Amino acid sequence: MRVLIACEFSGIVREAFAKLGHDAWSCDLLPTEVAGRHLQTDIMNLRWENWAWDLMIAFPPCTYLASSGARWWHGREKEQDDAIHFIISLMMFPIERICIENPIGIISTRIRKPDQIIQPYQFGHGETKATCLWLRGLSLLQPTNIVDGRIGRVHCEPPSAERWKNRSRTYQGIADAMAEQWGKSTLRGSE
């Protein structure tokens, strides 16, 4: 299966799919942190390319979308509108199966409510980080390992130049669940 992981510099989700034998590629403006199949370009450059993707999972920047940053939105209406238009463009990619991931925020009111909200503690990480999933052609992600602990680690990340990167990386348990569940369901759906 051909998988496009949009707006991912970490390589975490890409490698979860690659480990299961999928032809997985990440795409981001930044270079990848982990060697692998990575396209360092604007994801919109791939929209009409003839890559024949089976699945896209997108992690668009949440700076102007997440409720946690609402206090910074005043005076940034254009940036917020641009971010919403970017989400709509991702949702309209000519790919049958799509997941858009983002924190709780204005996508729910400006576009539509998410299909699912997941937490890291449902996938083996004793932390909280409510994560919304907007799905097309995919089943809901099923919890794989519900664990104790409800620490909001991303909120405790100390100030640094890397803070935004550290807060945006996908948890390995969630990446593995996406690859195992959606990789299999997509393969079954295409037989």
N, C-alpha and C. Protein backbone atom coordinates (compact mmCIF):
# COMPACT_ATOMS: atom_id res chain seq x y z
N MET A 1 0.84 -1.17 0.00
CA MET A 1 0.00 0.00 0.00
C MET A 1 0.89 1.24 0.00
N ARG A 2 0.48 2.26 -0.69
CA ARG A 2 1.20 3.53 -0.78
C ARG A 2 0.63 4.51 0.23
N VAL A 3 1.43 4.95 1.18
CA VAL A 3 0.97 5.79 2.28
C VAL A 3 1.74 7.11 2.28
N LEU A 4 0.99 8.21 2.36
CA LEU A 4 1.58 9.54 2.45
C LEU A 4 1.31 10.09 3.84
N ILE A 5 2.38 10.44 4.55
CA ILE A 5 2.26 11.05 5.86
C ILE A 5 2.60 12.53 5.68
N ALA A 6 1.58 13.35 5.65
CA ALA A 6 1.74 14.77 5.35
C ALA A 6 2.08 15.57 6.61
N CYS A 7 2.94 16.54 6.44
CA CYS A 7 3.33 17.45 7.52
C CYS A 7 3.97 16.68 8.67
N GLU A 8 4.85 15.75 8.34
CA GLU A 8 5.56 14.97 9.35
C GLU A 8 7.06 15.06 9.12
N PHE A 9 7.76 15.67 10.05
CA PHE A 9 9.23 15.74 9.98
C PHE A 9 9.87 14.65 10.82
N SER A 10 9.14 14.10 11.79
CA SER A 10 9.73 13.14 12.74
C SER A 10 9.97 11.77 12.13
N GLY A 11 9.15 11.37 11.18
CA GLY A 11 9.27 10.04 10.59
C GLY A 11 8.63 8.94 11.43
N ILE A 12 8.01 9.28 12.53
CA ILE A 12 7.46 8.28 13.45
C ILE A 12 6.34 7.47 12.80
N VAL A 13 5.36 8.14 12.21
CA VAL A 13 4.23 7.43 11.59
C VAL A 13 4.69 6.75 10.31
N ARG A 14 5.50 7.44 9.53
CA ARG A 14 6.03 6.84 8.29
C ARG A 14 6.71 5.52 8.58
N GLU A 15 7.58 5.50 9.58
CA GLU A 15 8.33 4.29 9.90
C GLU A 15 7.45 3.19 10.48
N ALA A 16 6.36 3.55 11.17
CA ALA A 16 5.43 2.53 11.67
C ALA A 16 4.81 1.77 10.50
N PHE A 17 4.44 2.49 9.44
CA PHE A 17 3.89 1.84 8.25
C PHE A 17 4.98 1.08 7.49
N ALA A 18 6.15 1.68 7.35
CA ALA A 18 7.25 1.03 6.62
C ALA A 18 7.64 -0.28 7.28
N LYS A 19 7.64 -0.30 8.61
CA LYS A 19 7.99 -1.51 9.36
C LYS A 19 7.06 -2.67 9.04
N LEU A 20 5.82 -2.36 8.63
CA LEU A 20 4.85 -3.39 8.26
C LEU A 20 4.86 -3.69 6.77
N GLY A 21 5.83 -3.13 6.05
CA GLY A 21 6.00 -3.45 4.64
C GLY A 21 5.30 -2.52 3.66
N HIS A 22 4.75 -1.43 4.13
CA HIS A 22 4.07 -0.48 3.25
C HIS A 22 5.07 0.47 2.59
N ASP A 23 4.71 0.98 1.44
CA ASP A 23 5.50 1.98 0.73
C ASP A 23 5.11 3.34 1.31
N ALA A 24 5.72 3.69 2.43
CA ALA A 24 5.33 4.88 3.19
C ALA A 24 6.32 6.02 2.97
N TRP A 25 5.76 7.21 2.77
CA TRP A 25 6.54 8.43 2.54
C TRP A 25 6.04 9.52 3.47
N SER A 26 6.96 10.29 4.05
CA SER A 26 6.58 11.48 4.77
C SER A 26 6.85 12.68 3.88
N CYS A 27 6.18 13.78 4.18
CA CYS A 27 6.36 15.01 3.42
C CYS A 27 6.26 16.18 4.38
N ASP A 28 7.24 17.07 4.34
CA ASP A 28 7.23 18.24 5.19
C ASP A 28 8.17 19.28 4.61
N LEU A 29 8.00 20.51 5.02
CA LEU A 29 8.93 21.57 4.61
C LEU A 29 10.29 21.37 5.27
N LEU A 30 10.30 20.70 6.43
CA LEU A 30 11.54 20.42 7.16
C LEU A 30 12.14 19.09 6.71
N PRO A 31 13.44 18.92 6.91
CA PRO A 31 14.03 17.60 6.65
C PRO A 31 13.53 16.60 7.70
N THR A 32 13.60 15.33 7.36
CA THR A 32 13.17 14.30 8.30
C THR A 32 14.21 14.11 9.40
N GLU A 33 13.75 13.72 10.58
CA GLU A 33 14.66 13.45 11.69
C GLU A 33 15.20 12.03 11.65
N VAL A 34 14.49 11.16 10.94
CA VAL A 34 14.87 9.75 10.84
C VAL A 34 15.01 9.40 9.36
N ALA A 35 16.13 8.84 8.99
CA ALA A 35 16.34 8.50 7.58
C ALA A 35 15.22 7.60 7.07
N GLY A 36 14.77 7.89 5.89
CA GLY A 36 13.71 7.12 5.27
C GLY A 36 13.16 7.87 4.08
N ARG A 37 12.09 7.38 3.54
CA ARG A 37 11.48 8.01 2.36
C ARG A 37 10.79 9.30 2.78
N HIS A 38 11.38 10.41 2.38
CA HIS A 38 10.88 11.72 2.80
C HIS A 38 10.96 12.70 1.65
N LEU A 39 9.88 13.42 1.43
CA LEU A 39 9.82 14.45 0.41
C LEU A 39 9.84 15.81 1.12
N GLN A 40 10.93 16.53 0.99
CA GLN A 40 11.03 17.84 1.64
C GLN A 40 10.49 18.89 0.68
N THR A 41 9.17 19.09 0.77
CA THR A 41 8.47 20.02 -0.11
C THR A 41 7.14 20.38 0.52
N ASP A 42 6.48 21.33 -0.04
CA ASP A 42 5.13 21.69 0.37
C ASP A 42 4.19 20.56 -0.06
N ILE A 43 3.37 20.09 0.84
CA ILE A 43 2.46 18.98 0.55
C ILE A 43 1.55 19.32 -0.63
N MET A 44 1.25 20.58 -0.82
CA MET A 44 0.37 20.97 -1.93
C MET A 44 1.02 20.70 -3.29
N ASN A 45 2.33 20.58 -3.33
CA ASN A 45 3.01 20.21 -4.57
C ASN A 45 2.68 18.79 -5.01
N LEU A 46 2.20 17.97 -4.08
CA LEU A 46 1.89 16.56 -4.38
C LEU A 46 0.42 16.33 -4.69
N ARG A 47 -0.40 17.35 -4.52
CA ARG A 47 -1.84 17.15 -4.63
C ARG A 47 -2.27 16.49 -5.93
N TRP A 48 -1.76 16.95 -7.04
CA TRP A 48 -2.19 16.40 -8.32
C TRP A 48 -1.11 15.58 -9.00
N GLU A 49 -0.01 15.33 -8.29
CA GLU A 49 1.02 14.45 -8.86
C GLU A 49 0.45 13.04 -8.99
N ASN A 50 0.95 12.29 -9.91
CA ASN A 50 0.45 10.95 -10.17
C ASN A 50 1.19 9.92 -9.30
N TRP A 51 1.01 10.04 -8.00
CA TRP A 51 1.66 9.11 -7.07
C TRP A 51 0.74 7.95 -6.69
N ALA A 52 -0.54 8.07 -6.94
CA ALA A 52 -1.52 7.02 -6.63
C ALA A 52 -1.43 6.57 -5.17
N TRP A 53 -1.67 7.50 -4.26
CA TRP A 53 -1.66 7.20 -2.83
C TRP A 53 -2.91 6.42 -2.45
N ASP A 54 -2.77 5.45 -1.55
CA ASP A 54 -3.90 4.70 -1.02
C ASP A 54 -4.44 5.32 0.26
N LEU A 55 -3.57 6.01 0.99
CA LEU A 55 -3.92 6.55 2.31
C LEU A 55 -3.06 7.77 2.58
N MET A 56 -3.68 8.81 3.15
CA MET A 56 -2.92 9.97 3.63
C MET A 56 -3.30 10.24 5.07
N ILE A 57 -2.29 10.39 5.91
CA ILE A 57 -2.48 10.83 7.28
C ILE A 57 -1.75 12.16 7.38
N ALA A 58 -2.47 13.21 7.76
CA ALA A 58 -1.89 14.56 7.77
C ALA A 58 -1.87 15.14 9.18
N PHE A 59 -0.77 15.78 9.50
CA PHE A 59 -0.55 16.42 10.80
C PHE A 59 -0.28 17.91 10.59
N PRO A 60 -1.28 18.67 10.11
CA PRO A 60 -1.03 20.08 9.81
C PRO A 60 -0.68 20.88 11.06
N PRO A 61 0.12 21.93 10.89
CA PRO A 61 0.49 22.77 12.03
C PRO A 61 -0.75 23.31 12.74
N CYS A 62 -0.70 23.32 14.07
CA CYS A 62 -1.88 23.70 14.85
C CYS A 62 -1.79 25.11 15.43
N THR A 63 -0.76 25.86 15.10
CA THR A 63 -0.51 27.18 15.69
C THR A 63 -1.75 28.06 15.70
N TYR A 64 -2.47 28.13 14.60
CA TYR A 64 -3.63 29.01 14.49
C TYR A 64 -4.95 28.24 14.55
N LEU A 65 -4.87 26.98 14.98
CA LEU A 65 -6.06 26.13 15.00
C LEU A 65 -6.42 25.62 16.40
N ALA A 66 -5.43 25.32 17.23
CA ALA A 66 -5.65 24.69 18.53
C ALA A 66 -6.19 25.68 19.56
N SER A 67 -7.18 25.25 20.31
CA SER A 67 -7.75 26.10 21.36
C SER A 67 -6.70 26.53 22.39
N SER A 68 -5.68 25.71 22.60
CA SER A 68 -4.65 26.05 23.58
C SER A 68 -3.91 27.33 23.22
N GLY A 69 -3.94 27.73 21.95
CA GLY A 69 -3.27 28.96 21.54
C GLY A 69 -4.22 30.11 21.27
N ALA A 70 -5.47 29.98 21.71
CA ALA A 70 -6.49 30.99 21.39
C ALA A 70 -6.12 32.38 21.87
N ARG A 71 -5.40 32.48 22.97
CA ARG A 71 -5.06 33.81 23.48
C ARG A 71 -4.15 34.58 22.53
N TRP A 72 -3.52 33.89 21.59
CA TRP A 72 -2.60 34.52 20.64
C TRP A 72 -3.25 34.81 19.29
N TRP A 73 -4.52 34.47 19.14
CA TRP A 73 -5.18 34.60 17.84
C TRP A 73 -5.52 36.04 17.46
N HIS A 74 -5.77 36.91 18.42
CA HIS A 74 -6.19 38.28 18.11
C HIS A 74 -5.16 38.95 17.20
N GLY A 75 -5.66 39.50 16.10
CA GLY A 75 -4.77 40.14 15.15
C GLY A 75 -4.14 39.17 14.16
N ARG A 76 -4.46 37.90 14.29
CA ARG A 76 -3.91 36.88 13.39
C ARG A 76 -5.02 36.19 12.59
N GLU A 77 -6.06 36.93 12.28
CA GLU A 77 -7.21 36.36 11.57
C GLU A 77 -6.83 35.84 10.19
N LYS A 78 -5.96 36.52 9.49
CA LYS A 78 -5.54 36.06 8.16
C LYS A 78 -4.80 34.73 8.26
N GLU A 79 -3.88 34.63 9.23
CA GLU A 79 -3.14 33.38 9.42
C GLU A 79 -4.10 32.24 9.77
N GLN A 80 -5.11 32.55 10.59
CA GLN A 80 -6.08 31.53 10.97
C GLN A 80 -6.92 31.11 9.75
N ASP A 81 -7.35 32.08 8.95
CA ASP A 81 -8.09 31.74 7.73
C ASP A 81 -7.24 30.90 6.78
N ASP A 82 -5.96 31.24 6.66
CA ASP A 82 -5.06 30.46 5.81
C ASP A 82 -4.94 29.02 6.33
N ALA A 83 -4.86 28.88 7.66
CA ALA A 83 -4.75 27.54 8.26
C ALA A 83 -6.01 26.73 7.99
N ILE A 84 -7.18 27.35 8.09
CA ILE A 84 -8.44 26.66 7.81
C ILE A 84 -8.50 26.24 6.34
N HIS A 85 -8.09 27.12 5.45
CA HIS A 85 -8.08 26.78 4.02
C HIS A 85 -7.11 25.64 3.73
N PHE A 86 -6.00 25.60 4.46
CA PHE A 86 -5.05 24.49 4.30
C PHE A 86 -5.70 23.17 4.70
N ILE A 87 -6.43 23.17 5.81
CA ILE A 87 -7.13 21.95 6.26
C ILE A 87 -8.14 21.51 5.20
N ILE A 88 -8.92 22.45 4.69
CA ILE A 88 -9.90 22.11 3.66
C ILE A 88 -9.21 21.52 2.44
N SER A 89 -8.07 22.10 2.05
CA SER A 89 -7.32 21.57 0.90
C SER A 89 -6.86 20.15 1.16
N LEU A 90 -6.39 19.87 2.38
CA LEU A 90 -5.97 18.50 2.72
C LEU A 90 -7.16 17.55 2.64
N MET A 91 -8.30 17.98 3.15
CA MET A 91 -9.50 17.14 3.13
C MET A 91 -9.97 16.85 1.71
N MET A 92 -9.61 17.71 0.78
CA MET A 92 -10.05 17.55 -0.60
C MET A 92 -9.02 16.83 -1.48
N PHE A 93 -7.92 16.36 -0.89
CA PHE A 93 -6.94 15.63 -1.68
C PHE A 93 -7.63 14.46 -2.38
N PRO A 94 -7.23 14.14 -3.60
CA PRO A 94 -7.85 13.04 -4.34
C PRO A 94 -7.32 11.67 -3.89
N ILE A 95 -7.54 11.39 -2.62
CA ILE A 95 -7.12 10.12 -2.01
C ILE A 95 -8.35 9.56 -1.30
N GLU A 96 -8.60 8.28 -1.47
CA GLU A 96 -9.82 7.67 -0.94
C GLU A 96 -9.86 7.64 0.59
N ARG A 97 -8.72 7.39 1.22
CA ARG A 97 -8.67 7.25 2.68
C ARG A 97 -7.78 8.35 3.26
N ILE A 98 -8.38 9.17 4.14
CA ILE A 98 -7.65 10.31 4.71
C ILE A 98 -7.94 10.42 6.19
N CYS A 99 -6.89 10.76 6.95
CA CYS A 99 -7.01 11.14 8.35
C CYS A 99 -6.31 12.48 8.51
N ILE A 100 -7.01 13.45 9.09
CA ILE A 100 -6.41 14.73 9.46
C ILE A 100 -6.37 14.74 10.98
N GLU A 101 -5.20 14.99 11.55
CA GLU A 101 -5.00 15.00 13.00
C GLU A 101 -4.72 16.42 13.46
N ASN A 102 -5.33 16.83 14.57
CA ASN A 102 -5.08 18.14 15.16
C ASN A 102 -5.66 18.16 16.56
N PRO A 103 -5.15 19.03 17.43
CA PRO A 103 -5.74 19.16 18.77
C PRO A 103 -7.15 19.75 18.70
N ILE A 104 -7.82 19.77 19.83
CA ILE A 104 -9.13 20.40 19.92
C ILE A 104 -8.96 21.88 19.55
N GLY A 105 -9.83 22.37 18.68
CA GLY A 105 -9.70 23.75 18.24
C GLY A 105 -10.80 24.17 17.30
N ILE A 106 -10.48 25.11 16.42
CA ILE A 106 -11.50 25.73 15.59
C ILE A 106 -11.90 24.93 14.35
N ILE A 107 -11.18 23.88 14.04
CA ILE A 107 -11.61 23.04 12.91
C ILE A 107 -13.03 22.55 13.17
N SER A 108 -13.31 22.21 14.45
CA SER A 108 -14.62 21.68 14.83
C SER A 108 -15.75 22.66 14.57
N THR A 109 -15.48 23.96 14.69
CA THR A 109 -16.54 24.94 14.49
C THR A 109 -16.52 25.55 13.09
N ARG A 110 -15.35 25.63 12.48
CA ARG A 110 -15.26 26.27 11.17
C ARG A 110 -15.46 25.29 10.01
N ILE A 111 -15.18 24.00 10.25
CA ILE A 111 -15.33 23.01 9.17
C ILE A 111 -16.36 21.96 9.60
N ARG A 112 -15.97 21.11 10.54
CA ARG A 112 -16.90 20.10 11.09
C ARG A 112 -16.28 19.47 12.32
N LYS A 113 -17.11 18.82 13.10
CA LYS A 113 -16.64 18.14 14.30
C LYS A 113 -15.79 16.94 13.89
N PRO A 114 -14.83 16.55 14.75
CA PRO A 114 -14.01 15.37 14.42
C PRO A 114 -14.82 14.09 14.50
N ASP A 115 -14.33 13.09 13.82
CA ASP A 115 -14.96 11.77 13.89
C ASP A 115 -14.60 11.05 15.18
N GLN A 116 -13.45 11.43 15.76
CA GLN A 116 -12.95 10.73 16.94
C GLN A 116 -11.98 11.64 17.69
N ILE A 117 -11.96 11.49 19.02
CA ILE A 117 -10.95 12.13 19.86
C ILE A 117 -10.25 11.02 20.63
N ILE A 118 -8.94 10.96 20.48
CA ILE A 118 -8.15 9.91 21.14
C ILE A 118 -7.21 10.55 22.17
N GLN A 119 -6.67 9.70 23.05
CA GLN A 119 -5.72 10.10 24.08
C GLN A 119 -4.52 9.16 24.05
N PRO A 120 -3.32 9.65 24.34
CA PRO A 120 -2.14 8.77 24.37
C PRO A 120 -2.29 7.60 25.35
N TYR A 121 -3.00 7.81 26.49
CA TYR A 121 -3.13 6.72 27.47
C TYR A 121 -3.97 5.56 26.94
N GLN A 122 -4.63 5.72 25.80
CA GLN A 122 -5.36 4.61 25.17
C GLN A 122 -4.43 3.73 24.33
N PHE A 123 -3.18 4.20 24.17
CA PHE A 123 -2.23 3.52 23.28
C PHE A 123 -0.88 3.29 23.96
N GLY A 124 -0.93 3.11 25.31
CA GLY A 124 0.27 2.72 26.04
C GLY A 124 1.11 3.82 26.64
N HIS A 125 0.68 5.08 26.55
CA HIS A 125 1.44 6.20 27.10
C HIS A 125 0.61 6.84 28.22
N GLY A 126 1.14 6.91 29.42
CA GLY A 126 0.41 7.43 30.58
C GLY A 126 0.30 8.93 30.58
N GLU A 127 -0.17 9.49 29.51
CA GLU A 127 -0.25 10.94 29.37
C GLU A 127 -1.56 11.34 28.72
N THR A 128 -1.90 12.61 28.87
CA THR A 128 -3.08 13.15 28.20
C THR A 128 -2.64 14.12 27.11
N LYS A 129 -3.36 14.09 26.03
CA LYS A 129 -3.22 15.04 24.93
C LYS A 129 -4.37 14.74 23.99
N ALA A 130 -5.52 15.39 24.26
CA ALA A 130 -6.70 15.14 23.44
C ALA A 130 -6.38 15.46 21.99
N THR A 131 -6.56 14.46 21.14
CA THR A 131 -6.20 14.58 19.73
C THR A 131 -7.40 14.21 18.88
N CYS A 132 -7.80 15.14 18.02
CA CYS A 132 -8.95 14.94 17.15
C CYS A 132 -8.52 14.30 15.84
N LEU A 133 -9.38 13.43 15.32
CA LEU A 133 -9.16 12.80 14.03
C LEU A 133 -10.38 13.05 13.14
N TRP A 134 -10.13 13.60 11.97
CA TRP A 134 -11.15 13.75 10.95
C TRP A 134 -10.86 12.68 9.91
N LEU A 135 -11.82 11.79 9.69
CA LEU A 135 -11.58 10.58 8.89
C LEU A 135 -12.44 10.55 7.63
N ARG A 136 -11.85 9.99 6.58
CA ARG A 136 -12.61 9.68 5.36
C ARG A 136 -12.14 8.31 4.89
N GLY A 137 -13.08 7.38 4.79
CA GLY A 137 -12.77 6.05 4.30
C GLY A 137 -12.01 5.18 5.28
N LEU A 138 -11.94 5.59 6.54
CA LEU A 138 -11.21 4.85 7.57
C LEU A 138 -12.12 4.57 8.76
N SER A 139 -11.87 3.45 9.44
CA SER A 139 -12.61 3.14 10.65
C SER A 139 -12.02 3.94 11.82
N LEU A 140 -12.78 4.01 12.91
CA LEU A 140 -12.27 4.66 14.11
C LEU A 140 -11.06 3.88 14.62
N LEU A 141 -10.10 4.60 15.16
CA LEU A 141 -8.90 3.97 15.70
C LEU A 141 -9.25 3.34 17.05
N GLN A 142 -9.01 2.04 17.18
CA GLN A 142 -9.36 1.34 18.41
C GLN A 142 -8.20 1.37 19.41
N PRO A 143 -8.49 1.66 20.69
CA PRO A 143 -7.43 1.66 21.71
C PRO A 143 -6.72 0.30 21.73
N THR A 144 -5.42 0.34 21.96
CA THR A 144 -4.62 -0.88 21.95
C THR A 144 -4.05 -1.25 23.31
N ASN A 145 -3.89 -0.26 24.20
CA ASN A 145 -3.27 -0.54 25.50
C ASN A 145 -3.60 0.61 26.44
N ILE A 146 -4.76 0.53 27.10
CA ILE A 146 -5.17 1.59 28.03
C ILE A 146 -4.36 1.44 29.31
N VAL A 147 -3.66 2.50 29.68
CA VAL A 147 -2.78 2.47 30.85
C VAL A 147 -3.16 3.55 31.85
N ASP A 148 -2.69 3.38 33.08
CA ASP A 148 -2.90 4.38 34.11
C ASP A 148 -1.99 5.57 33.84
N GLY A 149 -2.28 6.64 34.54
CA GLY A 149 -1.48 7.84 34.39
C GLY A 149 -2.17 8.84 33.51
N ARG A 150 -2.27 10.02 33.98
CA ARG A 150 -2.95 11.06 33.21
C ARG A 150 -2.15 12.36 33.32
N ILE A 151 -0.90 12.28 32.92
CA ILE A 151 0.00 13.43 33.00
C ILE A 151 -0.09 14.23 31.70
N GLY A 152 -0.25 15.53 31.81
CA GLY A 152 -0.28 16.38 30.64
C GLY A 152 1.12 16.83 30.27
N ARG A 153 1.96 15.92 29.82
CA ARG A 153 3.37 16.20 29.56
C ARG A 153 3.60 17.34 28.57
N VAL A 154 2.81 17.41 27.51
CA VAL A 154 3.06 18.43 26.50
C VAL A 154 2.87 19.83 27.06
N HIS A 155 2.01 19.97 28.08
CA HIS A 155 1.80 21.29 28.69
C HIS A 155 2.97 21.67 29.60
N CYS A 156 3.71 20.67 30.04
CA CYS A 156 4.84 20.92 30.95
C CYS A 156 6.17 21.06 30.22
N GLU A 157 6.15 20.99 28.91
CA GLU A 157 7.37 21.11 28.12
C GLU A 157 8.01 22.48 28.39
N PRO A 158 9.26 22.50 28.85
CA PRO A 158 9.89 23.78 29.17
C PRO A 158 10.14 24.62 27.91
N PRO A 159 10.17 25.93 28.06
CA PRO A 159 10.45 26.79 26.91
C PRO A 159 11.81 26.47 26.29
N SER A 160 11.81 26.39 24.97
CA SER A 160 13.05 26.15 24.23
C SER A 160 12.76 26.35 22.75
N ALA A 161 13.80 26.39 21.96
CA ALA A 161 13.64 26.52 20.51
C ALA A 161 12.99 25.26 19.92
N GLU A 162 13.11 24.13 20.60
CA GLU A 162 12.57 22.86 20.12
C GLU A 162 11.21 22.51 20.72
N ARG A 163 10.66 23.38 21.55
CA ARG A 163 9.41 23.08 22.25
C ARG A 163 8.29 22.69 21.29
N TRP A 164 8.11 23.45 20.23
CA TRP A 164 7.02 23.16 19.29
C TRP A 164 7.20 21.80 18.63
N LYS A 165 8.45 21.44 18.35
CA LYS A 165 8.71 20.13 17.74
C LYS A 165 8.39 19.01 18.73
N ASN A 166 8.86 19.18 19.97
CA ASN A 166 8.62 18.15 20.99
C ASN A 166 7.14 17.95 21.25
N ARG A 167 6.37 19.01 21.20
CA ARG A 167 4.93 18.93 21.44
C ARG A 167 4.18 18.33 20.25
N SER A 168 4.77 18.40 19.08
CA SER A 168 4.03 17.97 17.88
C SER A 168 4.30 16.53 17.47
N ARG A 169 5.30 15.89 18.03
CA ARG A 169 5.61 14.51 17.63
C ARG A 169 4.48 13.55 18.02
N THR A 170 4.20 12.62 17.13
CA THR A 170 3.18 11.61 17.38
C THR A 170 3.72 10.56 18.34
N TYR A 171 2.89 10.14 19.28
CA TYR A 171 3.27 9.08 20.20
C TYR A 171 3.42 7.77 19.43
N GLN A 172 4.43 7.00 19.76
CA GLN A 172 4.71 5.75 19.05
C GLN A 172 3.54 4.79 19.09
N GLY A 173 2.86 4.69 20.23
CA GLY A 173 1.71 3.79 20.34
C GLY A 173 0.58 4.16 19.39
N ILE A 174 0.37 5.45 19.18
CA ILE A 174 -0.66 5.90 18.24
C ILE A 174 -0.22 5.60 16.81
N ALA A 175 1.05 5.87 16.51
CA ALA A 175 1.58 5.59 15.17
C ALA A 175 1.45 4.10 14.85
N ASP A 176 1.81 3.25 15.80
CA ASP A 176 1.71 1.80 15.59
C ASP A 176 0.27 1.37 15.37
N ALA A 177 -0.66 1.94 16.14
CA ALA A 177 -2.08 1.60 15.98
C ALA A 177 -2.59 2.02 14.60
N MET A 178 -2.19 3.20 14.15
CA MET A 178 -2.59 3.65 12.81
C MET A 178 -2.10 2.67 11.74
N ALA A 179 -0.83 2.30 11.84
CA ALA A 179 -0.25 1.39 10.85
C ALA A 179 -0.90 0.01 10.90
N GLU A 180 -1.05 -0.53 12.09
CA GLU A 180 -1.61 -1.87 12.23
C GLU A 180 -3.08 -1.93 11.83
N GLN A 181 -3.87 -0.96 12.26
CA GLN A 181 -5.31 -0.99 12.00
C GLN A 181 -5.66 -0.47 10.61
N TRP A 182 -5.15 0.68 10.26
CA TRP A 182 -5.52 1.25 8.96
C TRP A 182 -4.76 0.61 7.82
N GLY A 183 -3.57 0.12 8.10
CA GLY A 183 -2.82 -0.61 7.06
C GLY A 183 -3.54 -1.88 6.67
N LYS A 184 -4.03 -2.61 7.64
CA LYS A 184 -4.75 -3.86 7.36
C LYS A 184 -6.11 -3.58 6.74
N SER A 185 -6.84 -2.61 7.30
CA SER A 185 -8.19 -2.34 6.76
C SER A 185 -8.10 -1.79 5.35
N THR A 186 -7.07 -0.99 5.08
CA THR A 186 -6.92 -0.45 3.73
C THR A 186 -6.54 -1.56 2.76
N LEU A 187 -5.70 -2.48 3.20
CA LEU A 187 -5.32 -3.59 2.32
C LEU A 187 -6.54 -4.46 2.03
N ARG A 188 -7.35 -4.75 3.05
CA ARG A 188 -8.56 -5.54 2.84
C ARG A 188 -9.52 -4.82 1.91
N GLY A 189 -9.63 -3.51 2.08
CA GLY A 189 -10.55 -2.72 1.26
C GLY A 189 -10.15 -2.64 -0.20
N SER A 190 -8.87 -2.89 -0.50
CA SER A 190 -8.42 -2.75 -1.88
C SER A 190 -8.28 -4.09 -2.61
N GLU A 191 -8.60 -5.18 -1.93
CA GLU A 191 -8.49 -6.49 -2.56
C GLU A 191 -9.60 -6.73 -3.53
